[in-house]
Protein backbone atom coordinates (compact mmCIF):
# COMPACT_ATOMS: atom_id res chain seq x y z
CA MET A 1 139.76 92.94 52.82
CA THR A 2 137.93 89.89 51.42
CA ALA A 3 134.52 88.68 52.56
CA ALA A 4 136.17 85.67 54.26
CA GLU A 5 138.54 87.95 56.17
CA LEU A 6 135.66 90.20 57.20
CA HIS A 7 133.71 87.15 58.37
CA GLN A 8 136.59 86.27 60.73
CA LEU A 9 136.10 89.60 62.47
CA LEU A 10 132.69 88.56 63.77
CA GLY A 11 133.92 87.38 67.19
CA ALA A 12 136.03 90.48 67.75
CA TYR A 13 133.09 92.68 66.70
CA VAL A 14 130.74 91.01 69.18
CA LEU A 15 133.25 91.64 71.98
CA GLY A 16 133.88 95.23 70.92
CA GLY A 17 137.52 94.46 70.09
CA LEU A 18 137.69 96.08 66.65
CA ASP A 19 139.17 99.46 66.01
CA PRO A 20 136.81 102.09 64.54
CA ALA A 21 137.92 101.54 60.93
CA ASP A 22 137.45 97.76 61.07
CA SER A 23 134.09 98.21 62.81
CA VAL A 24 132.87 100.42 59.96
CA ARG A 25 134.06 97.90 57.35
CA PHE A 26 132.48 94.98 59.19
CA GLU A 27 129.15 96.77 59.66
CA ALA A 28 129.10 97.50 55.92
CA HIS A 29 129.78 93.80 55.32
CA LEU A 30 126.85 92.89 57.59
CA GLN A 31 124.48 94.73 55.28
CA GLU A 32 125.42 92.33 52.47
CA CYS A 33 126.11 89.05 54.30
CA ALA A 34 123.10 87.13 55.60
CA ASP A 35 125.36 84.45 57.13
CA CYS A 36 127.16 87.01 59.29
CA ARG A 37 123.88 88.54 60.38
CA ALA A 38 122.56 85.13 61.41
CA GLU A 39 125.73 84.32 63.35
CA LEU A 40 125.67 87.75 64.96
CA ASP A 41 122.15 87.03 66.28
CA GLU A 42 123.37 83.73 67.72
CA LEU A 43 126.39 85.35 69.37
CA GLY A 44 124.54 88.35 70.75
CA LYS A 45 124.70 87.02 74.33
CA LEU A 46 128.29 85.88 74.09
CA PRO A 47 129.79 88.78 76.13
CA VAL A 48 127.49 87.96 79.07
CA LEU A 49 128.45 84.28 78.93
CA LEU A 50 132.14 85.09 78.68
CA ASP A 51 131.92 87.13 81.86
CA ALA A 52 131.48 83.84 83.70
CA LEU A 53 134.55 82.17 82.11
CA PRO A 54 138.29 82.49 82.70
CA VAL A 55 140.01 84.46 79.94
CA PRO A 56 141.81 81.45 78.35
CA ASP A 57 138.55 79.49 78.09
CA ALA A 58 136.70 82.48 76.67
CA VAL A 59 139.40 83.01 74.05
CA ALA A 60 139.22 79.37 73.05
CA LEU A 61 135.48 79.69 72.54
CA THR A 62 135.70 82.84 70.44
CA ALA A 63 138.39 81.23 68.29
CA SER A 64 135.97 78.51 67.11
CA ARG A 65 133.14 79.10 64.69
CA PRO A 66 129.60 77.80 65.26
CA GLY A 67 129.76 75.77 62.05
CA GLY A 68 131.86 73.07 63.68
CA GLY A 69 135.15 74.21 62.14
CA ALA A 70 138.43 73.71 63.95
CA ALA A 71 139.43 76.37 66.42
CA GLU A 72 142.30 78.62 65.53
CA PRO A 73 145.18 78.88 67.99
CA ALA A 74 144.53 81.36 70.75
CA THR A 75 147.48 83.41 69.55
CA SER A 76 145.55 84.28 66.37
CA VAL A 77 142.99 86.22 68.37
CA PRO A 78 143.66 89.97 68.15
CA ASP A 79 145.29 91.57 71.16
CA THR A 80 142.31 93.92 71.41
CA VAL A 81 140.04 90.93 72.03
CA LEU A 82 142.37 89.62 74.75
CA ASP A 83 142.45 93.05 76.34
CA GLU A 84 138.66 93.27 76.19
CA LEU A 85 138.25 89.86 77.83
CA ALA A 86 140.77 90.68 80.54
CA ALA A 87 139.04 94.00 81.21
CA ARG A 88 135.69 92.27 81.46
CA ARG A 89 137.06 89.78 83.96
CA ARG A 90 138.64 92.58 86.04
CA LYS A 91 135.35 94.50 86.06
CA SER A 92 133.45 91.33 86.98
CA ARG A 93 135.81 90.62 89.88
CA ARG A 94 135.51 94.22 91.10
CA ARG A 95 131.72 94.05 90.93
CA TRP A 96 131.65 90.80 92.92
CA ALA A 97 134.15 92.09 95.46
CA ALA A 98 132.13 95.27 95.96
CA LEU A 99 128.90 93.30 96.21
CA MET A 100 130.28 90.84 98.75
CA GLY A 101 131.76 93.69 100.76
CA ALA A 102 128.43 95.48 100.83
CA VAL A 103 126.60 92.29 101.83
CA ALA A 104 129.11 91.59 104.61
CA ALA A 105 128.83 95.15 105.90
CA ALA A 106 125.04 94.97 105.82
CA CYS A 107 125.02 91.66 107.68
CA LEU A 108 127.41 93.02 110.27
CA ALA A 109 125.32 96.14 110.76
CA LEU A 110 122.14 94.07 110.96
CA GLY A 111 123.71 91.73 113.48
CA LEU A 112 124.91 94.58 115.68
CA ALA A 113 121.59 96.38 115.50
CA ALA A 114 119.24 93.41 115.69
CA GLY A 115 121.17 91.21 118.10
CA PRO A 116 120.05 92.92 121.32
CA VAL A 117 116.46 93.04 120.05
CA LEU A 118 116.39 89.38 119.06
CA ASN A 119 117.93 88.30 122.36
CA ARG A 120 115.52 90.34 124.46
CA PRO A 121 112.51 88.33 125.73
CA PRO A 122 109.03 89.67 124.96
CA GLN A 123 107.87 92.20 127.53
CA PRO A 124 104.58 91.43 129.36
CA ASP A 125 101.68 93.87 129.23
CA ALA A 126 101.28 93.72 133.00
CA SER A 127 103.18 92.18 135.94
CA TYR A 128 102.06 91.57 139.50
CA SER A 129 103.54 89.88 142.55
CA VAL A 130 102.60 89.10 146.11
CA GLN A 131 104.38 87.82 149.19
CA SER A 132 102.71 86.21 152.18
CA GLY A 133 103.77 86.24 155.80
CA SER A 134 104.92 82.59 155.51
CA GLY A 135 107.53 83.57 152.93
CA LEU A 136 105.58 82.46 149.85
CA ARG A 137 106.46 84.55 146.81
CA PHE A 138 104.16 84.51 143.81
CA SER A 139 104.35 86.59 140.62
CA VAL A 140 102.57 86.55 137.28
CA ASP A 141 103.23 88.27 133.94
CA LEU A 142 100.19 88.89 131.73
CA ALA A 143 100.43 89.20 127.94
CA ARG A 144 97.55 90.19 125.68
CA LYS A 145 96.66 87.75 122.91
CA THR A 146 93.95 87.86 120.28
CA TRP A 147 92.40 84.77 121.84
CA GLY A 148 92.68 85.96 125.48
CA THR A 149 95.60 86.30 127.89
CA GLU A 150 98.82 84.35 128.37
CA LEU A 151 100.23 84.03 131.90
CA ALA A 152 103.83 83.36 132.95
CA VAL A 153 103.85 82.26 136.58
CA SER A 154 106.82 81.94 138.95
CA GLY A 155 107.07 81.41 142.67
CA SER A 156 109.12 80.23 145.61
CA SER A 157 108.30 78.80 149.04
CA MET A 158 105.17 77.35 147.45
CA PRO A 159 103.17 74.45 149.00
CA LEU A 160 105.21 71.23 148.77
CA ASN A 161 102.37 68.76 148.29
CA GLY A 162 99.37 68.18 146.05
CA THR A 163 98.32 69.81 142.81
CA LEU A 164 98.43 73.58 142.61
CA SER A 165 96.31 75.57 140.20
CA LEU A 166 95.90 79.11 138.92
CA TRP A 167 92.44 80.57 138.58
CA ILE A 168 91.30 83.68 136.76
CA ARG A 169 88.25 85.62 137.92
CA ASP A 170 86.78 88.08 135.44
CA ARG A 171 84.92 91.27 136.32
CA ASP A 172 81.57 89.54 135.94
CA GLY A 173 82.48 87.02 138.65
CA SER A 174 83.11 84.04 136.37
CA GLU A 175 86.14 81.78 136.96
CA ASP A 176 88.51 79.99 134.59
CA ARG A 177 91.42 77.68 135.45
CA ALA A 178 94.46 78.89 133.54
CA CYS A 179 96.86 76.07 134.49
CA ALA A 180 97.69 73.40 137.08
CA TRP A 181 100.88 71.64 138.15
CA THR A 182 102.22 69.22 140.72
CA ALA A 183 103.95 70.80 143.71
CA THR A 184 107.73 70.56 143.62
CA PRO A 185 110.00 69.43 146.51
CA SER A 186 111.92 72.71 146.31
CA GLY A 187 108.80 74.84 146.47
CA ARG A 188 109.91 76.70 143.34
CA ILE A 189 107.84 76.78 140.15
CA LYS A 190 107.84 78.40 136.76
CA VAL A 191 104.89 77.56 134.54
CA THR A 192 102.84 79.07 131.73
CA GLY A 193 99.09 79.26 131.54
CA ALA A 194 96.37 80.68 129.32
CA THR A 195 92.81 81.93 129.61
CA PRO A 196 90.24 83.11 127.08
CA VAL A 197 89.51 86.06 129.38
CA GLN A 198 90.91 89.27 127.91
CA LEU A 199 93.42 91.14 130.06
CA ALA A 200 91.13 94.15 130.47
CA SER A 201 88.43 91.84 131.90
CA ILE A 202 90.61 90.09 134.51
CA ALA A 203 89.69 91.09 138.07
CA SER A 204 92.02 88.79 140.01
CA VAL A 205 94.51 85.92 139.73
CA GLU A 206 94.25 83.27 142.47
CA LEU A 207 96.70 80.54 143.46
CA ARG A 208 94.99 77.49 145.02
CA ASP A 209 96.42 74.44 146.74
CA GLY A 210 95.35 70.80 146.36
CA THR A 211 92.26 71.36 148.53
CA GLN A 212 91.21 74.31 146.35
CA GLN A 213 91.94 76.75 149.11
CA ALA A 214 93.34 80.13 148.04
CA VAL A 215 96.96 80.56 149.21
CA ALA A 216 97.66 83.79 147.29
CA VAL A 217 95.46 86.30 145.50
CA ILE A 218 96.51 89.12 143.16
CA THR A 219 93.95 91.82 142.45
CA VAL A 220 94.25 93.36 139.00
CA PRO A 221 93.32 97.05 138.96
CA LYS A 222 91.01 98.40 136.29
């Protein structure tokens, strides 16, 4: 086999399409041919690039030489090269199919497991409620925060006029207004408030009407 014929085996060698005898002959040729060694360095990543191409396009690329020469017809490429390219594409498709299947299964499992957790509202650290003889219902959920305490307030049969407010009394006797709102015609409310007083230091939560008179008081146990 002439040096020119051996040089034409470069593409098949890169793709692993040579039989053992031709591989031995080509590797011996590499020891003597600097041009083939240089081209081999340039084509070292060709198999990875071909994995991303359809087989006909990959064959067309391997049939042309980097020197700008005309490409040989695809039929001149050895059958072993075609088989190698087809095998690579099949393996690539199987890898992607397996990967996508695993991702889909993981997403499904995550959705089934995490869905109820994500849809569940945060649980308060403490909840209290009170009902007066007039039918007023008043409840408050307390949640610890690094800056103090957050309060979620709800009620029904509340005063229908004026501005209502929620006051926090700490265990030292100090007071802090957590929130205020305008009375609603329905007597129902749902508001959120906040206080810098830590939950452990809250002694009572007091609902006051527009005249600052207490209409409901919740005592927080120690």
